[in-house]
Amino acid sequence: MPKYDIVSIGDTTIDAFIELHEASIQCELDHVNCKLCLSYPDKIPFDSLKILAACGNSANNAIGSSRLGLKDAFIGAVGDDHQGQDIIEELKKEGVDTSMITINKGVPTNFHFVLVFRGERTILIKHQKFEYKLPTNLDTSWIYFSSMGPDTEKFHKQLSAFLQKNKNVKVSFNPGTFQMRMGTQKLAGIYKRTEILFLNREEAALVTGLKTRDIKKLASAMHKLGPKIAVITDGRSGGYVSDGKTIWFLDHFPGPLIEATGAGDAFGTAFTAAIFYGKNIPEAMAWGTVNAGQKVLTTGPHQGLQTKIQIENWLKKHTKFKAKEYKK
C-alpha cells in the first residue's frame, strides 16, 4: 500500500441542490435558533436543481485536499448502483485514490436533498446501513474523519484501535450528526487521539454538554476531550482556534454568500493542509477562511475549492487579512 499524506474517512452522497424562493425564516429572539418554513400543504415551486456526486464531509475533504497538493485516498462505502459509480468516477477525476471504497451489493447509495434559501442550506439526510472496511496496513501521515451514519460503532472501534497502534498518525476530526449523538464516551479513544477538532459554535456546546456560547469555555472543554487544537467556526461571524494557551480569531472572508454547503469542510480541509505544510495556527486559519470564502461563491461543495497556489496568491495580495489574538 502506498504512503498517503492524508486519508479521508466517512460517508459520501449524491446531493440534489434545490434552490427555493417561496419560503420564509422564523427565528427566536436570539436570532440563533431559526427555522425554514414552507406552506403546508401546498405545491412549492423551486428555481433550480443541481445534482452533484461525491458530496459529504469526508469526500469534500478528499477532493479539497487533492486540489491543495496532498496525496490522498478516500475510505467509505457506496451502493452497487450507478450513483455509487458516479461518486467513484468523480473522486478519481479529482485525483483521489478510490481503491479502499467498499461497494455494498443490494444497497442504494446515499442520496441527500439540499434546500437552498438566501445563501444558507437545510439538508434532508439519510445514511444507508453499509459495510465499511478499514485496511490494517494503512500508511498515512494524517486521517480526516467525519460524518458516518448510525449503526457504525463497530467501525469506530476499529478506527480507535488502529489509532492506538499507530501513534504517528495525526487526526483531524469533524464529527457528523450521528457521531455527536453517539456521545463522547463511546468515541473517547478517537477524541483522545485527535490533533485538530472542528466544531461550529452550536456543535461545540452540544458535544461538550455546556449551555453556553462563551468561546473560552467551549474551547477549554474541547481540549479536555483530548484534541491539541480546538477549532470553533461561527459562520459569517468568523472563526476561533485554540492551542490550549492562546485563542485566535479571524473574521469571515470578505465576499458575498451564494450557497454555504461545504463551507465548514472547505475551512477544515485547508486548515489541515496548512498544518501539514508546516504553517502556524494563524496562517492555517487564513488558509481555511480563504478556501471557505471562495467555496460559498458557488453552489455545491466542490466548485470553489482552491489550489495551494491560489490561496497563497490571494494572501499575498491581502496582507492585512490575518488572525488576531482573542482576548474577550
Protein backbone atom coordinates (compact mmCIF):
# COMPACT_ATOMS: atom_id res chain seq x y z
CA MET A 1 0.00 0.00 0.00
CA PRO A 2 1.35 3.47 -0.91
CA LYS A 3 2.15 6.14 1.65
CA TYR A 4 -0.52 8.87 1.75
CA ASP A 5 -0.34 12.41 3.04
CA ILE A 6 -3.96 12.21 4.19
CA VAL A 7 -6.80 9.68 4.06
CA SER A 8 -10.38 10.89 4.30
CA ILE A 9 -12.78 8.55 6.10
CA GLY A 10 -16.57 8.84 6.24
CA ASP A 11 -19.78 8.66 4.26
CA THR A 12 -20.32 10.09 0.80
CA THR A 13 -23.51 11.03 -1.02
CA ILE A 14 -25.18 12.25 -4.14
CA ASP A 15 -26.58 15.70 -3.30
CA ALA A 16 -29.55 17.29 -5.06
CA PHE A 17 -29.40 21.07 -4.58
CA ILE A 18 -32.88 22.61 -4.76
CA GLU A 19 -32.97 26.41 -4.74
CA LEU A 20 -36.15 27.85 -3.21
CA HIS A 21 -37.67 31.32 -3.36
CA GLU A 22 -41.13 30.82 -1.82
CA ALA A 23 -40.10 30.20 1.77
CA SER A 24 -39.58 32.15 4.99
CA ILE A 25 -37.32 32.08 8.02
CA GLN A 26 -38.60 32.26 11.59
CA CYS A 27 -36.12 32.90 14.39
CA GLU A 28 -36.31 33.16 18.15
CA LEU A 29 -35.32 36.41 19.85
CA ASP A 30 -31.65 35.38 19.95
CA HIS A 31 -31.63 35.08 16.14
CA VAL A 32 -29.75 31.80 16.53
CA ASN A 33 -32.46 29.14 16.59
CA CYS A 34 -34.07 29.65 13.19
CA LYS A 35 -36.43 27.51 11.10
CA LEU A 36 -37.04 27.25 7.38
CA CYS A 37 -40.79 27.49 6.78
CA LEU A 38 -42.78 26.30 3.75
CA SER A 39 -46.52 26.45 3.11
CA TYR A 40 -48.29 23.30 4.29
CA PRO A 41 -49.91 21.59 2.45
CA ASP A 42 -49.04 23.21 -0.86
CA LYS A 43 -47.09 22.90 -4.10
CA ILE A 44 -43.82 24.77 -3.65
CA PRO A 45 -42.08 26.00 -6.82
CA PHE A 46 -38.29 25.93 -6.94
CA ASP A 47 -35.81 27.93 -9.01
CA SER A 48 -33.18 25.36 -9.95
CA LEU A 49 -31.98 21.80 -9.42
CA LYS A 50 -28.36 20.68 -9.48
CA ILE A 51 -27.25 17.09 -8.76
CA LEU A 52 -23.64 16.56 -7.68
CA ALA A 53 -21.65 13.42 -6.90
CA ALA A 54 -19.09 12.67 -4.16
CA CYS A 55 -20.53 15.06 -1.61
CA GLY A 56 -20.40 14.62 2.16
CA ASN A 57 -17.86 15.94 4.67
CA SER A 58 -15.08 13.42 4.11
CA ALA A 59 -15.46 13.25 0.33
CA ASN A 60 -15.38 17.05 0.24
CA ASN A 61 -12.14 16.87 2.21
CA ALA A 62 -10.68 14.29 -0.14
CA ILE A 63 -11.34 16.45 -3.19
CA GLY A 64 -10.20 19.63 -1.45
CA SER A 65 -7.01 18.01 -0.15
CA SER A 66 -6.14 16.73 -3.62
CA ARG A 67 -6.52 20.23 -5.07
CA LEU A 68 -4.19 21.50 -2.35
CA GLY A 69 -1.49 19.10 -3.49
CA LEU A 70 -1.81 16.32 -0.93
CA LYS A 71 -1.58 12.66 -1.94
CA ASP A 72 -4.84 11.29 -0.60
CA ALA A 73 -7.34 8.46 -0.61
CA PHE A 74 -10.96 8.04 0.44
CA ILE A 75 -12.30 5.28 2.68
CA GLY A 76 -16.07 4.93 2.66
CA ALA A 77 -18.91 2.97 1.15
CA VAL A 78 -21.35 3.20 -1.76
CA GLY A 79 -24.08 1.02 -3.21
CA ASP A 80 -23.74 -1.13 -6.31
CA ASP A 81 -25.74 1.31 -8.43
CA HIS A 82 -24.91 3.98 -11.00
CA GLN A 83 -24.93 6.67 -8.27
CA GLY A 84 -22.16 4.81 -6.47
CA GLN A 85 -20.18 4.57 -9.68
CA ASP A 86 -20.72 8.30 -10.29
CA ILE A 87 -19.16 9.02 -6.89
CA ILE A 88 -16.14 6.82 -7.59
CA GLU A 89 -15.60 8.41 -11.01
CA GLU A 90 -15.87 11.93 -9.56
CA LEU A 91 -13.24 11.16 -6.91
CA LYS A 92 -10.95 9.59 -9.50
CA LYS A 93 -11.33 12.64 -11.72
CA GLU A 94 -10.08 14.77 -8.81
CA GLY A 95 -7.02 12.56 -8.29
CA VAL A 96 -8.28 10.75 -5.19
CA ASP A 97 -7.40 7.06 -4.67
CA THR A 98 -10.71 5.13 -4.55
CA SER A 99 -9.30 1.62 -4.13
CA MET A 100 -10.45 1.41 -0.49
CA ILE A 101 -14.11 2.23 -1.11
CA THR A 102 -16.41 -0.67 -0.16
CA ILE A 103 -19.17 -1.39 -2.69
CA ASN A 104 -22.25 -2.79 -0.92
CA LYS A 105 -24.40 -5.10 -3.02
CA GLY A 106 -28.16 -4.59 -2.90
CA VAL A 107 -27.92 -1.29 -1.01
CA PRO A 108 -28.62 2.11 -2.62
CA THR A 109 -26.02 4.85 -2.47
CA ASN A 110 -26.69 7.72 -0.05
CA PHE A 111 -28.81 10.45 -1.66
CA HIS A 112 -29.43 13.74 0.15
CA PHE A 113 -31.58 16.78 -0.66
CA VAL A 114 -30.18 20.27 -0.03
CA LEU A 115 -32.77 23.04 0.26
CA VAL A 116 -31.05 26.34 -0.56
CA PHE A 117 -32.64 29.61 0.57
CA ARG A 118 -30.98 33.02 0.88
CA GLY A 119 -27.50 31.54 0.76
CA GLU A 120 -27.98 29.03 3.58
CA ARG A 121 -28.98 25.40 3.31
CA THR A 122 -31.15 22.84 5.07
CA ILE A 123 -30.19 19.24 4.27
CA LEU A 124 -32.50 16.21 4.29
CA ILE A 125 -30.21 13.28 5.10
CA LYS A 126 -30.45 9.50 5.12
CA HIS A 127 -27.41 7.31 5.76
CA GLN A 128 -27.73 3.75 4.43
CA LYS A 129 -26.53 0.84 6.53
CA PHE A 130 -23.25 -0.01 4.84
CA GLU A 131 -20.38 -2.36 5.49
CA TYR A 132 -17.11 -0.47 5.89
CA LYS A 133 -13.57 -1.81 5.75
CA LEU A 134 -10.50 -0.26 7.36
CA PRO A 135 -7.22 -1.65 5.98
CA THR A 136 -4.93 -2.80 8.78
CA ASN A 137 -1.85 -1.85 6.73
CA LEU A 138 -2.99 1.73 6.07
CA ASP A 139 0.04 4.02 5.76
CA THR A 140 -0.74 7.72 6.08
CA SER A 141 0.51 10.83 7.86
CA TRP A 142 -2.98 12.22 8.54
CA ILE A 143 -6.57 10.99 8.75
CA TYR A 144 -9.52 13.31 8.24
CA PHE A 145 -12.52 11.67 9.92
CA SER A 146 -16.08 12.91 9.66
CA SER A 147 -19.75 12.05 9.27
CA MET A 148 -20.89 8.43 9.25
CA GLY A 149 -24.37 7.01 9.70
CA PRO A 150 -25.94 5.15 12.63
CA ASP A 151 -25.01 1.56 13.45
CA THR A 152 -21.31 2.20 12.75
CA GLU A 153 -19.99 1.71 16.28
CA LYS A 154 -18.03 -1.36 15.16
CA PHE A 155 -16.12 0.68 12.58
CA HIS A 156 -15.45 3.45 15.10
CA LYS A 157 -13.93 0.85 17.45
CA GLN A 158 -11.74 -0.44 14.63
CA LEU A 159 -10.52 3.08 13.87
CA SER A 160 -9.86 3.76 17.56
CA ALA A 161 -7.81 0.55 17.81
CA PHE A 162 -5.86 1.49 14.65
CA LEU A 163 -5.04 4.90 16.10
CA GLN A 164 -3.84 3.38 19.36
CA LYS A 165 -1.42 1.17 17.41
CA ASN A 166 -0.27 3.93 15.08
CA LYS A 167 0.67 6.84 17.31
CA ASN A 168 2.42 8.65 14.45
CA VAL A 169 -0.84 9.18 12.53
CA LYS A 170 -2.40 12.59 13.18
CA VAL A 171 -6.17 13.05 13.10
CA SER A 172 -8.48 15.86 12.08
CA PHE A 173 -11.95 15.07 13.44
CA ASN A 174 -15.12 16.84 12.30
CA PRO A 175 -17.97 14.90 13.96
CA GLY A 176 -21.17 14.45 11.99
CA THR A 177 -24.73 14.33 13.30
CA PHE A 178 -24.79 10.67 14.32
CA GLN A 179 -21.27 10.80 15.75
CA MET A 180 -22.30 13.64 18.03
CA ARG A 181 -25.35 11.63 19.08
CA MET A 182 -23.06 8.70 19.98
CA GLY A 183 -21.58 10.87 22.71
CA THR A 184 -18.00 11.50 23.76
CA GLN A 185 -17.66 8.38 25.93
CA LYS A 186 -18.18 5.92 23.07
CA LEU A 187 -15.73 7.90 20.93
CA ALA A 188 -13.28 8.69 23.73
CA GLY A 189 -10.43 6.81 22.04
CA ILE A 190 -10.82 8.87 18.87
CA TYR A 191 -11.16 12.21 20.67
CA LYS A 192 -8.02 11.47 22.72
CA ARG A 193 -6.02 10.81 19.52
CA THR A 194 -7.35 13.87 17.71
CA GLU A 195 -4.88 16.55 16.72
CA ILE A 196 -7.48 19.03 15.39
CA LEU A 197 -11.16 19.02 16.40
CA PHE A 198 -13.55 21.01 14.19
CA LEU A 199 -16.96 22.09 15.52
CA ASN A 200 -19.20 25.07 14.92
CA ARG A 201 -20.32 27.12 17.90
CA GLU A 202 -23.60 25.26 18.41
CA GLU A 203 -21.94 21.84 17.94
CA ALA A 204 -19.25 22.73 20.46
CA ALA A 205 -21.93 23.33 23.10
CA LEU A 206 -23.69 20.08 22.17
CA VAL A 207 -20.57 17.91 22.20
CA THR A 208 -19.15 19.34 25.43
CA GLY A 209 -22.53 19.48 27.19
CA LEU A 210 -22.11 23.15 28.07
CA LYS A 211 -25.08 25.52 27.88
CA THR A 212 -23.01 28.49 26.83
CA ARG A 213 -21.76 30.31 23.75
CA ASP A 214 -18.64 31.54 25.53
CA ILE A 215 -15.68 30.75 23.26
CA LYS A 216 -13.10 30.36 26.02
CA LYS A 217 -15.26 27.91 27.97
CA LEU A 218 -16.14 25.91 24.87
CA ALA A 219 -12.51 25.71 23.72
CA SER A 220 -11.35 24.61 27.16
CA ALA A 221 -13.98 21.86 27.25
CA MET A 222 -12.98 20.69 23.78
CA HIS A 223 -9.33 20.40 24.86
CA LYS A 224 -10.36 18.25 27.82
CA LEU A 225 -11.63 15.64 25.34
CA GLY A 226 -8.07 15.28 24.03
CA PRO A 227 -7.52 17.47 20.94
CA LYS A 228 -4.39 19.62 20.81
CA ILE A 229 -6.07 22.20 18.56
CA ALA A 230 -9.72 23.24 19.06
CA VAL A 231 -11.42 24.95 16.12
CA ILE A 232 -14.77 26.70 16.58
CA THR A 233 -16.35 28.12 13.45
CA ASP A 234 -19.18 30.65 13.66
CA GLY A 235 -20.44 31.11 10.12
CA ARG A 236 -20.36 34.71 8.90
CA SER A 237 -19.14 35.78 12.34
CA GLY A 238 -15.71 34.27 11.72
CA GLY A 239 -13.80 31.51 13.46
CA TYR A 240 -11.76 30.83 16.60
CA VAL A 241 -8.84 28.46 17.17
CA SER A 242 -7.22 27.48 20.47
CA ASP A 243 -3.98 25.63 21.15
CA GLY A 244 -4.76 25.42 24.87
CA LYS A 245 -2.79 28.56 25.69
CA THR A 246 -3.84 31.15 23.12
CA ILE A 247 -7.10 31.69 21.22
CA TRP A 248 -7.03 33.41 17.83
CA PHE A 249 -9.91 34.99 15.92
CA LEU A 250 -10.29 35.67 12.21
CA ASP A 251 -13.29 37.35 10.62
CA HIS A 252 -15.17 35.81 7.71
CA PHE A 253 -13.95 36.05 4.13
CA PRO A 254 -14.75 39.50 2.63
CA GLY A 255 -17.15 38.40 -0.06
CA PRO A 256 -20.79 37.52 -0.78
CA LEU A 257 -22.55 34.32 0.25
CA ILE A 258 -24.18 32.42 -2.62
CA GLU A 259 -24.52 28.95 -1.06
CA ALA A 260 -22.97 27.60 2.14
CA THR A 261 -22.90 23.80 1.70
CA GLY A 262 -19.38 22.52 2.35
CA ALA A 263 -18.03 25.81 3.71
CA GLY A 264 -17.06 24.19 7.01
CA ASP A 265 -15.43 21.31 5.13
CA ALA A 266 -13.51 23.76 2.95
CA PHE A 267 -12.22 25.52 6.07
CA GLY A 268 -11.21 22.26 7.76
CA THR A 269 -9.56 20.94 4.61
CA ALA A 270 -7.35 23.97 4.04
CA PHE A 271 -6.62 24.40 7.76
CA THR A 272 -5.41 20.78 7.99
CA ALA A 273 -3.39 21.10 4.78
CA ALA A 274 -1.71 24.26 6.08
CA ILE A 275 -0.68 22.48 9.30
CA PHE A 276 0.59 19.57 7.15
CA TYR A 277 2.71 22.05 5.19
CA GLY A 278 4.21 23.43 8.42
CA LYS A 279 2.15 26.61 8.75
CA ASN A 280 1.31 28.02 12.19
CA ILE A 281 -2.24 28.33 13.52
CA PRO A 282 -2.91 31.95 12.40
CA GLU A 283 -1.65 31.07 8.91
CA ALA A 284 -3.79 27.93 8.84
CA MET A 285 -6.84 30.00 9.82
CA ALA A 286 -6.23 32.29 6.86
CA TRP A 287 -5.91 29.31 4.53
CA GLY A 288 -9.16 27.83 5.80
CA THR A 289 -11.06 31.10 5.62
CA VAL A 290 -9.96 31.84 2.06
CA ASN A 291 -10.90 28.33 0.92
CA ALA A 292 -14.32 28.55 2.59
CA GLY A 293 -14.90 32.07 1.30
CA GLN A 294 -14.22 31.06 -2.29
CA LYS A 295 -16.44 27.99 -1.94
CA VAL A 296 -19.53 29.97 -0.84
CA LEU A 297 -19.38 31.94 -4.09
CA THR A 298 -20.68 28.80 -5.86
CA THR A 299 -23.41 26.21 -5.44
CA GLY A 300 -22.24 22.82 -4.17
CA PRO A 301 -19.23 21.85 -2.06
CA HIS A 302 -16.52 21.46 -4.72
CA GLN A 303 -16.54 24.11 -7.42
CA GLY A 304 -14.90 26.92 -5.47
CA LEU A 305 -12.27 24.83 -3.67
CA GLN A 306 -8.83 26.38 -4.12
CA THR A 307 -5.39 25.12 -5.02
CA LYS A 308 -2.34 25.82 -2.83
CA ILE A 309 -1.09 28.44 -5.28
CA GLN A 310 -4.48 30.20 -5.42
CA ILE A 311 -4.64 30.54 -1.63
CA GLU A 312 -1.04 31.73 -1.38
CA ASN A 313 -1.54 34.28 -4.18
CA TRP A 314 -4.72 35.66 -2.56
CA LEU A 315 -2.99 36.07 0.80
CA LYS A 316 -0.02 37.82 -0.84
CA LYS A 317 -2.43 40.40 -2.27
CA HIS A 318 -4.32 40.83 1.01
CA THR A 319 -1.57 41.08 3.61
CA LYS A 320 -3.83 42.62 6.26
CA PHE A 321 -6.10 39.57 6.35
CA LYS A 322 -4.62 37.96 9.45
CA ALA A 323 -5.85 36.27 12.60
CA LYS A 324 -5.59 38.19 15.86
CA GLU A 325 -5.40 37.05 19.45
CA TYR A 326 -8.85 36.77 21.04
CA LYS A 327 -8.92 38.39 24.49
CA LYS A 328 -12.61 38.69 25.45
